[in-house]
Protein backbone atom coordinates (compact mmCIF):
# COMPACT_ATOMS: atom_id res chain seq x y z
CA MET A 1 124.71 68.20 7.02
CA THR A 2 125.01 65.16 9.28
CA ILE A 3 121.75 63.68 12.15
CA ASP A 4 123.57 64.63 15.18
CA GLN A 5 124.83 68.41 13.15
CA THR A 6 120.49 68.74 12.35
CA GLY A 7 119.18 67.40 16.02
CA ASP A 8 122.23 69.70 17.76
CA ASN A 9 120.12 72.55 15.98
CA PRO A 10 117.34 72.66 18.36
CA ILE A 11 119.53 72.19 20.96
CA ASP A 12 121.73 74.76 20.98
CA MET A 13 119.11 77.45 19.87
CA ILE A 14 117.12 77.15 22.73
CA ALA A 15 120.50 77.70 25.61
CA ARG A 16 121.19 80.63 22.96
CA THR A 17 117.40 82.35 23.69
CA CYS A 18 117.84 80.91 27.61
CA ASN A 19 121.12 82.64 27.57
CA GLY A 20 120.13 86.23 26.44
CA CYS A 21 119.84 85.71 21.97
CA LEU A 22 116.41 87.55 21.10
CA THR A 23 113.69 85.26 19.28
CA ALA A 24 113.45 86.65 15.53
CA ALA A 25 109.82 88.42 17.13
CA LYS A 26 111.18 89.70 19.32
CA ALA A 27 113.82 91.15 16.95
CA LEU A 28 110.57 92.13 14.94
CA LEU A 29 108.84 93.47 17.41
CA HIS A 30 106.12 90.98 17.79
CA GLU A 31 104.39 90.55 21.00
CA GLU A 32 100.68 89.49 19.69
CA PHE A 33 99.95 85.82 21.12
CA VAL A 34 96.97 84.00 19.93
CA MET A 35 95.68 81.24 21.85
CA THR A 36 93.29 78.87 19.45
CA LYS A 37 90.14 77.19 20.94
CA ARG A 38 90.83 72.97 20.68
CA TYR A 39 87.08 72.18 23.24
CA ARG A 40 84.41 73.26 22.79
CA SER A 41 83.62 74.47 26.08
CA ALA A 42 87.39 76.88 25.54
């Protein structure tokens, strides 16, 4: 795999997801979401 091909992979994945292709989490029915605490005031 060339450097150009490696750079194109994430862009292609984003385009497929935007066009309706399921992500791995959605395909496996994972719907949980966790906000991580970054600051003490949060």
